[in-house]
N, C-alpha and C. Protein backbone atom coordinates (compact mmCIF):
# COMPACT_ATOMS: atom_id res chain seq x y z
N MET A 1 -45.90 206.36 163.80
CA MET A 1 -45.41 205.30 162.93
C MET A 1 -46.57 204.82 162.06
N SER A 2 -46.38 204.80 160.74
CA SER A 2 -47.42 204.38 159.80
C SER A 2 -47.68 202.88 159.94
N SER A 3 -48.94 202.48 159.67
CA SER A 3 -49.24 201.05 159.70
C SER A 3 -49.45 200.50 158.29
N ASP A 4 -49.26 201.34 157.25
CA ASP A 4 -49.30 200.85 155.87
C ASP A 4 -48.12 199.90 155.67
N PRO A 5 -48.37 198.65 155.28
CA PRO A 5 -47.28 197.67 155.19
C PRO A 5 -46.09 198.13 154.35
N LYS A 6 -46.31 198.77 153.22
CA LYS A 6 -45.19 199.24 152.40
C LYS A 6 -44.38 200.29 153.13
N SER A 7 -45.07 201.21 153.80
CA SER A 7 -44.37 202.27 154.54
C SER A 7 -43.60 201.72 155.72
N VAL A 8 -44.18 200.74 156.41
CA VAL A 8 -43.50 200.12 157.55
C VAL A 8 -42.21 199.46 157.08
N LEU A 9 -42.29 198.66 156.01
CA LEU A 9 -41.10 197.96 155.53
C LEU A 9 -40.07 198.95 154.98
N ALA A 10 -40.51 199.97 154.27
CA ALA A 10 -39.57 200.97 153.74
C ALA A 10 -38.83 201.67 154.88
N ALA A 11 -39.54 202.05 155.93
CA ALA A 11 -38.91 202.71 157.07
C ALA A 11 -37.95 201.76 157.79
N ALA A 12 -38.34 200.50 157.93
CA ALA A 12 -37.48 199.51 158.58
C ALA A 12 -36.21 199.30 157.76
N ASN A 13 -36.35 199.17 156.44
CA ASN A 13 -35.18 199.00 155.56
C ASN A 13 -34.27 200.22 155.59
N GLU A 14 -34.85 201.41 155.68
CA GLU A 14 -34.03 202.63 155.77
C GLU A 14 -33.18 202.60 157.03
N ALA A 15 -33.76 202.13 158.14
CA ALA A 15 -32.98 202.03 159.38
C ALA A 15 -31.81 201.06 159.21
N VAL A 16 -32.07 199.91 158.58
CA VAL A 16 -30.99 198.94 158.34
C VAL A 16 -29.91 199.57 157.46
N SER A 17 -30.31 200.30 156.46
CA SER A 17 -29.34 200.93 155.54
C SER A 17 -28.47 201.96 156.25
N ARG A 18 -28.96 202.50 157.36
CA ARG A 18 -28.17 203.45 158.17
C ARG A 18 -27.34 202.72 159.23
N GLY A 19 -27.49 201.40 159.32
CA GLY A 19 -26.80 200.65 160.36
C GLY A 19 -27.51 200.73 161.70
N ASP A 20 -28.77 201.15 161.71
CA ASP A 20 -29.55 201.33 162.93
C ASP A 20 -30.41 200.10 163.18
N HIS A 21 -29.80 199.08 163.78
CA HIS A 21 -30.52 197.84 164.03
C HIS A 21 -31.66 198.04 165.02
N GLY A 22 -31.45 198.87 166.02
CA GLY A 22 -32.51 199.18 166.97
C GLY A 22 -33.68 199.87 166.30
N GLY A 23 -33.38 200.77 165.36
CA GLY A 23 -34.44 201.44 164.61
C GLY A 23 -35.24 200.46 163.78
N PHE A 24 -34.56 199.47 163.18
CA PHE A 24 -35.27 198.42 162.46
C PHE A 24 -36.19 197.65 163.40
N LEU A 25 -35.63 197.23 164.54
CA LEU A 25 -36.39 196.40 165.48
C LEU A 25 -37.58 197.14 166.08
N ALA A 26 -37.55 198.47 166.08
CA ALA A 26 -38.70 199.24 166.56
C ALA A 26 -39.92 199.00 165.67
N HIS A 27 -39.71 198.54 164.45
CA HIS A 27 -40.79 198.25 163.51
C HIS A 27 -41.26 196.80 163.60
N CYS A 28 -40.69 196.03 164.54
CA CYS A 28 -41.00 194.60 164.67
C CYS A 28 -41.74 194.31 165.98
N THR A 29 -42.52 193.24 165.95
CA THR A 29 -43.13 192.75 167.19
C THR A 29 -42.04 192.11 168.05
N ASP A 30 -42.28 192.02 169.34
CA ASP A 30 -41.29 191.40 170.23
C ASP A 30 -41.02 189.95 169.87
N ASP A 31 -42.05 189.27 169.36
CA ASP A 31 -41.92 187.85 169.02
C ASP A 31 -41.70 187.62 167.52
N VAL A 32 -41.11 188.59 166.85
CA VAL A 32 -40.85 188.49 165.41
C VAL A 32 -40.13 187.18 165.08
N VAL A 33 -40.48 186.61 163.92
CA VAL A 33 -39.86 185.37 163.47
C VAL A 33 -39.37 185.57 162.04
N TRP A 34 -38.12 185.20 161.79
CA TRP A 34 -37.54 185.22 160.44
C TRP A 34 -37.32 183.77 160.01
N HIS A 35 -37.97 183.37 158.92
CA HIS A 35 -37.75 182.05 158.32
C HIS A 35 -36.90 182.28 157.06
N PHE A 36 -35.66 181.82 157.08
CA PHE A 36 -34.85 181.81 155.87
C PHE A 36 -35.10 180.44 155.25
N ILE A 37 -35.90 180.40 154.21
CA ILE A 37 -36.36 179.15 153.64
C ILE A 37 -35.16 178.31 153.17
N GLY A 38 -35.12 177.07 153.64
CA GLY A 38 -34.04 176.16 153.31
C GLY A 38 -32.80 176.34 154.15
N ASP A 39 -32.85 177.25 155.14
CA ASP A 39 -31.66 177.52 155.94
C ASP A 39 -31.95 177.45 157.44
N ARG A 40 -32.61 178.47 157.99
CA ARG A 40 -32.82 178.51 159.43
C ARG A 40 -33.99 179.42 159.77
N THR A 41 -34.40 179.34 161.02
CA THR A 41 -35.43 180.22 161.56
C THR A 41 -34.86 180.93 162.77
N ILE A 42 -35.14 182.23 162.86
CA ILE A 42 -34.69 183.06 163.98
C ILE A 42 -35.93 183.60 164.66
N GLU A 43 -35.99 183.49 165.99
CA GLU A 43 -37.20 183.89 166.72
C GLU A 43 -36.88 184.90 167.80
N GLY A 44 -37.65 186.01 167.81
CA GLY A 44 -37.55 187.03 168.85
C GLY A 44 -36.56 188.13 168.52
N LYS A 45 -36.83 189.31 169.07
CA LYS A 45 -35.97 190.47 168.80
C LYS A 45 -34.51 190.25 169.19
N PRO A 46 -34.21 189.66 170.35
CA PRO A 46 -32.80 189.47 170.70
C PRO A 46 -32.05 188.61 169.68
N ALA A 47 -32.69 187.55 169.19
CA ALA A 47 -32.03 186.68 168.21
C ALA A 47 -31.89 187.38 166.86
N VAL A 48 -32.90 188.16 166.47
CA VAL A 48 -32.80 188.92 165.22
C VAL A 48 -31.69 189.96 165.33
N ARG A 49 -31.61 190.66 166.46
CA ARG A 49 -30.54 191.64 166.65
C ARG A 49 -29.17 190.98 166.57
N ALA A 50 -29.01 189.82 167.20
CA ALA A 50 -27.72 189.11 167.15
C ALA A 50 -27.37 188.75 165.71
N TYR A 51 -28.36 188.27 164.94
CA TYR A 51 -28.12 187.95 163.53
C TYR A 51 -27.70 189.20 162.76
N MET A 52 -28.41 190.29 162.98
CA MET A 52 -28.09 191.53 162.27
C MET A 52 -26.70 192.03 162.63
N ASP A 53 -26.36 191.99 163.92
CA ASP A 53 -25.03 192.44 164.36
C ASP A 53 -23.92 191.61 163.74
N GLU A 54 -24.19 190.31 163.56
CA GLU A 54 -23.20 189.41 162.98
C GLU A 54 -23.11 189.54 161.45
N THR A 55 -24.25 189.68 160.80
CA THR A 55 -24.32 189.64 159.34
C THR A 55 -24.16 191.00 158.69
N TYR A 56 -24.73 192.04 159.30
CA TYR A 56 -24.69 193.38 158.74
C TYR A 56 -23.57 194.18 159.40
N ILE A 57 -22.33 193.70 159.21
CA ILE A 57 -21.16 194.36 159.79
C ILE A 57 -21.07 195.79 159.29
N GLN A 58 -21.29 195.96 158.01
CA GLN A 58 -21.48 197.28 157.42
C GLN A 58 -22.92 197.31 156.93
N PRO A 59 -23.55 198.47 156.91
CA PRO A 59 -24.95 198.50 156.46
C PRO A 59 -25.10 197.92 155.05
N PRO A 60 -26.08 197.04 154.88
CA PRO A 60 -26.30 196.45 153.56
C PRO A 60 -26.89 197.49 152.60
N GLU A 61 -26.73 197.20 151.32
CA GLU A 61 -27.30 198.05 150.28
C GLU A 61 -28.51 197.32 149.70
N PHE A 62 -29.67 197.98 149.71
CA PHE A 62 -30.90 197.39 149.19
C PHE A 62 -31.22 197.99 147.82
N ASP A 63 -31.70 197.15 146.94
CA ASP A 63 -32.29 197.59 145.67
C ASP A 63 -33.64 196.88 145.59
N VAL A 64 -34.67 197.54 146.10
CA VAL A 64 -36.01 196.96 146.09
C VAL A 64 -36.62 197.26 144.72
N GLU A 65 -36.90 196.20 143.98
CA GLU A 65 -37.44 196.34 142.63
C GLU A 65 -38.96 196.39 142.62
N LEU A 66 -39.60 195.73 143.59
CA LEU A 66 -41.05 195.64 143.60
C LEU A 66 -41.54 195.40 145.01
N MET A 67 -42.63 196.10 145.39
CA MET A 67 -43.33 195.82 146.64
C MET A 67 -44.80 195.66 146.32
N ILE A 68 -45.38 194.60 146.87
CA ILE A 68 -46.80 194.32 146.71
C ILE A 68 -47.37 194.14 148.12
N ALA A 69 -48.52 194.78 148.40
CA ALA A 69 -49.05 194.72 149.76
C ALA A 69 -50.56 194.60 149.78
N ASP A 70 -51.05 194.02 150.89
CA ASP A 70 -52.46 194.10 151.24
C ASP A 70 -52.49 194.66 152.67
N ALA A 71 -53.56 194.50 153.37
CA ALA A 71 -53.70 195.12 154.69
C ALA A 71 -52.68 194.63 155.72
N ASP A 72 -52.31 193.35 155.65
CA ASP A 72 -51.44 192.77 156.68
C ASP A 72 -50.20 192.08 156.15
N HIS A 73 -49.89 192.27 154.86
CA HIS A 73 -48.75 191.59 154.25
C HIS A 73 -48.05 192.54 153.28
N VAL A 74 -46.76 192.32 153.13
CA VAL A 74 -46.01 193.02 152.08
C VAL A 74 -44.94 192.07 151.57
N VAL A 75 -44.81 192.03 150.26
CA VAL A 75 -43.77 191.24 149.61
C VAL A 75 -42.82 192.21 148.93
N ALA A 76 -41.54 192.04 149.19
CA ALA A 76 -40.51 192.86 148.56
C ALA A 76 -39.61 191.94 147.75
N ILE A 77 -39.32 192.35 146.53
CA ILE A 77 -38.44 191.59 145.64
C ILE A 77 -37.32 192.52 145.24
N GLY A 78 -36.09 192.03 145.32
CA GLY A 78 -34.97 192.88 144.95
C GLY A 78 -33.63 192.20 145.14
N ARG A 79 -32.64 193.05 145.39
CA ARG A 79 -31.27 192.60 145.64
C ARG A 79 -30.75 193.26 146.90
N ILE A 80 -29.91 192.53 147.59
CA ILE A 80 -29.23 193.08 148.76
C ILE A 80 -27.75 192.75 148.63
N THR A 81 -26.93 193.73 148.92
CA THR A 81 -25.48 193.55 148.91
C THR A 81 -24.97 193.67 150.33
N LEU A 82 -24.27 192.63 150.78
CA LEU A 82 -23.67 192.60 152.10
C LEU A 82 -22.17 192.81 151.96
N ILE A 83 -21.60 193.50 152.92
CA ILE A 83 -20.16 193.78 152.92
C ILE A 83 -19.59 193.22 154.22
N ASP A 84 -18.63 192.28 154.09
CA ASP A 84 -18.09 191.65 155.29
C ASP A 84 -16.98 192.49 155.91
N ALA A 85 -16.41 192.00 157.00
CA ALA A 85 -15.39 192.74 157.75
C ALA A 85 -14.16 193.04 156.90
N ASP A 86 -13.90 192.22 155.87
CA ASP A 86 -12.75 192.43 155.00
C ASP A 86 -13.08 193.30 153.80
N GLY A 87 -14.31 193.78 153.71
CA GLY A 87 -14.73 194.63 152.60
C GLY A 87 -15.23 193.86 151.39
N LYS A 88 -15.31 192.52 151.49
CA LYS A 88 -15.80 191.71 150.38
C LYS A 88 -17.31 191.90 150.24
N ARG A 89 -17.74 192.16 149.02
CA ARG A 89 -19.15 192.38 148.73
C ARG A 89 -19.77 191.10 148.18
N SER A 90 -20.97 190.77 148.69
CA SER A 90 -21.73 189.62 148.20
C SER A 90 -23.15 190.12 147.92
N THR A 91 -23.63 189.82 146.72
CA THR A 91 -24.96 190.29 146.32
C THR A 91 -25.90 189.10 146.19
N PHE A 92 -27.12 189.29 146.68
CA PHE A 92 -28.14 188.25 146.69
C PHE A 92 -29.44 188.78 146.12
N ASP A 93 -30.12 187.93 145.35
CA ASP A 93 -31.49 188.20 144.95
C ASP A 93 -32.37 187.69 146.08
N TYR A 94 -33.45 188.44 146.38
CA TYR A 94 -34.32 187.99 147.45
C TYR A 94 -35.78 188.28 147.14
N SER A 95 -36.62 187.52 147.79
CA SER A 95 -38.05 187.77 147.86
C SER A 95 -38.43 187.60 149.31
N ASP A 96 -38.83 188.69 149.94
CA ASP A 96 -39.23 188.68 151.34
C ASP A 96 -40.74 188.83 151.44
N ALA A 97 -41.38 187.88 152.07
CA ALA A 97 -42.82 187.94 152.31
C ALA A 97 -43.02 188.18 153.81
N TRP A 98 -43.53 189.37 154.14
CA TRP A 98 -43.73 189.77 155.53
C TRP A 98 -45.20 189.70 155.90
N ARG A 99 -45.47 189.28 157.12
CA ARG A 99 -46.81 189.39 157.72
C ARG A 99 -46.71 190.41 158.83
N LEU A 100 -47.64 191.35 158.87
CA LEU A 100 -47.66 192.37 159.91
C LEU A 100 -48.75 192.06 160.91
N ARG A 101 -48.53 192.49 162.14
CA ARG A 101 -49.53 192.40 163.20
C ARG A 101 -49.52 193.72 163.95
N ASP A 102 -50.67 194.32 164.05
CA ASP A 102 -50.80 195.61 164.74
C ASP A 102 -49.83 196.65 164.19
N GLY A 103 -49.62 196.63 162.86
CA GLY A 103 -48.78 197.63 162.21
C GLY A 103 -47.29 197.39 162.34
N LYS A 104 -46.90 196.23 162.84
CA LYS A 104 -45.47 195.91 162.99
C LYS A 104 -45.14 194.63 162.25
N LEU A 105 -43.88 194.50 161.86
CA LEU A 105 -43.38 193.32 161.17
C LEU A 105 -43.34 192.15 162.17
N ALA A 106 -44.11 191.10 161.86
CA ALA A 106 -44.24 189.98 162.80
C ALA A 106 -43.59 188.70 162.30
N GLU A 107 -43.62 188.48 160.98
CA GLU A 107 -43.08 187.22 160.46
C GLU A 107 -42.55 187.43 159.05
N LEU A 108 -41.37 186.89 158.81
CA LEU A 108 -40.71 186.98 157.50
C LEU A 108 -40.50 185.58 156.95
N ARG A 109 -40.81 185.42 155.69
CA ARG A 109 -40.41 184.24 154.92
C ARG A 109 -39.49 184.77 153.83
N ALA A 110 -38.21 184.49 153.96
CA ALA A 110 -37.19 185.04 153.06
C ALA A 110 -36.65 183.95 152.15
N PHE A 111 -36.71 184.23 150.87
CA PHE A 111 -36.12 183.36 149.85
C PHE A 111 -34.92 184.13 149.31
N VAL A 112 -33.71 183.62 149.56
CA VAL A 112 -32.49 184.35 149.24
C VAL A 112 -31.55 183.43 148.48
N VAL A 113 -31.03 183.91 147.33
CA VAL A 113 -30.04 183.16 146.57
C VAL A 113 -28.95 184.12 146.11
N GLU A 114 -27.73 183.61 146.03
CA GLU A 114 -26.64 184.44 145.56
C GLU A 114 -26.90 184.86 144.11
N ALA A 115 -26.67 186.12 143.84
CA ALA A 115 -26.94 186.67 142.51
C ALA A 115 -25.90 186.17 141.52
N ASP A 116 -26.31 185.98 140.29
CA ASP A 116 -25.38 185.60 139.22
C ASP A 116 -24.29 186.66 139.10
N GLY A 117 -23.06 186.21 139.02
CA GLY A 117 -21.95 187.13 138.84
C GLY A 117 -21.54 187.86 140.10
N ALA A 118 -22.14 187.48 141.24
CA ALA A 118 -21.82 188.18 142.49
C ALA A 118 -20.52 187.66 143.07
């Protein structure tokens, strides 16, 4: 498994796009924390898996427009489209700022807003 932050996030996102939540979580630390700014914080792999199982009923579609990284951080900017159980599509603009520890995703600060016209 690569420890380059861009490669780690790209591989993790590919797993999510396949509906492989366990594959995504393999790229995370056990104590991973997701901060959805202005909404909620999710702590630990079990809670993140529960969120993913609830929210990613069908695999989301990612359009990553930009990734910027240093040794222990990666920021991804793009759009994500979620599809609910009824097939309704919702598209969001996002900026995800990740901190890595020991080559794994440890902390997310996610800024997410519904896309215009979505």
